[in-house]
Each structure stands twice: as structure tokens, then as C-alpha cells.
Amino acid sequence: MSEFTGNTTKYEGADANIFKDKEQLFGLDFVKANIHFDPDNLPVMNICVSPGRNGSTALLGLFASHPWVLAGYYQPWKTMVRHGLQYGPMDIPGVENGYHVFAKETWGPFHEEEQFDPVALMLDLGYPAHMINLITLARDPLATVYSNFKFDGGITPEILVANYQHTFEMFNYYQGKIGAVVPLAYDLMQNGTTDHVLANTLGKLGLPFMGRQFDSQSLMFVEQGGQFHPGEAKDEDEAEAILLPTFARGGFNPKIEIYTLDSLAQTKRAHEKPEMLEVAAAVHAGVDYEFQQFVQISADALSVTLH
């Protein structure tokens, strides 16, 4: 198992790969210098942004499996912020074999530098605004806290609240400035609504809904003949903890977990990591109202009736 020891904190497993001390991080100018595309041969770029642990890897599996999607990228910008070119640059294919690409980016969990605006990066590089679609994805904050504490590093409430607020701010800012801007509340996909929500989401992006199944060939790494660019998830520990269990499900089958502060306190994880409850209380106070507003906005946009 790989292991990284920072100045004060020691992590193992997936956290060993993603954690870097601040002085090890690369700036956004470096990232922009290592994004490559042919300006005369551009696919539509679909960018999904969210806090970490919000279901974006499963959504990536769905989009990367779509026959109209040329390539799927796992956190391509943040991979370069953390690792430089260890996992390669971001190369965007032309449109001769398809129409779209899909990239998911998440914020956190360790540093404020892990939160930025990939849409702005692409616009700065000259990618046409009308050819960029944005999906802002958000899951119930208490479920996100619970999921983050699956890993030793956890997350601070300050970082996670900022991650949610940044996602909502991007949704508000880009309406009318780029292509489609789609608010996707993960928790809407339950009680038989998943296909409806996905079909409406893809429809707004100009893609037909073709089911929830994953295509194993498409999800092979690009150097193996697939369409998947794994970025830092090429690391064995990160792949084992995050990527492979998600893709092994064979399709997009959202697992909806709804917690209250009281029910969260009854979980085994809360007894093993009591600090999780302090984080949960602060996150709930800091962002739950905005999240509930986002759920209503998403429901209206995707024609879902809330009960």
C-alpha cells in the first residue's frame, strides 16, 4: 500500500495519493498550460462540478459509456493541481468520432486550492462559451459528511461548506453565459424517478437518454483502447477505494442516504470517529438551507414533484 507522510499528518490508502502539502500544489497557470485541444475541431464539453463524495464518479461512468461521448475525465484539473504531469496533461479529442466529452471535477477535501472554476479555465483558453455545458451536482450534506469520514482524512466543516457554496455560486453565475446549466440534486433520484431525472438532465445537454448501463469497453483506460481518462485514479489505492467499486456496479444505480443529526449519531462510524458529529453539526448549520433551496430549483428544472 502506498503511503505519504506530510509535515504533520500521515495518511494511507487513497488519501496517501490525494493529500499534498500546500507547497507541493501546482498553480492554475500550470494547469492551463497543459490543456490541449484543436480549436477548429471541438467537441461539446460537459463539465460536472460538485463537492467530493456526491456521486460524480458514477455519473462519469454513465456519461463515458454514452455512444455520443468521446471521452470521460476523472478530475483532470485537480489531478494536475495535486500531481503536476505525473498522470499526464488533459488532451481533448476532436469531433471526428463523436460529439461530446464529459469531465467531472470535485472540490476538497484538504485545501482551499482544491476549489477553483474549471469553466473559467476553459474560457480563458478560448473554448467557446456556447460549447461548454455545466452540471452542478449536490447531495444531502449530512450524507456527504458521512461519506467523507469513510477515509482517514475526513474533512473540515469550513472546507465542505465552502465546497457547497462554490457549487451553488457557479450554478447562479453561469446561467445565460455558457451553454446549458443544469442543477442536479442527487437525492431526487429515488422512488422510481432516476430514469426521468437522468433523461431530463441529458436532454438539456443535447444527449439522448440511452439507459443507465455502463459500457465496460468505454470505461477502459484510454491507453488500453477505452475512452476513460483516469487522472489520479490511476493510482492503485485510489482506484480500489473509489473508482473500481463504482464501475463494478455495472450501471448508474444511485444509493440515496438520508440522515438527520440524530440518526447520524447512531451509526457505527460516528462511534468510531466522534469528530464526524461536530463536523456534521457545523455543516448542517452552514449550508442546509441553501441545499434545500437547490433541491427545489433542481426539481423544478428537471420536472420532479417533491413530496
Foldseek 3Di string as FASTA:
>chain_A
DDWADDPDDTFDFPCRLLDDDQVQFDDLVLQLVQEDDDLVFDAQEEEEEAAPPQQVLQVLLQQLQAQQAQAEEEQQSSLCRRPNQPLHHHYGDGDPRHHYHYYYAHADADDPSSDDDVLVSVVVVPDAQQSYEYEQEYEQVLSSQVVQLVGPVRGALVRRLVRHVSSVVVLVPCVVPGHHYAYHYLQLCDPPCVQLQVQLVVVSVVHGDDDFFGDPQQCDDVVVPHRYRYRSCVPPSNCVVPPVVSVVVGGNDDDHDDDDLVRVCVDPSCVVPVVSSVSSVSNCVSPVVVVVVSVVVNCVSSVHDDD
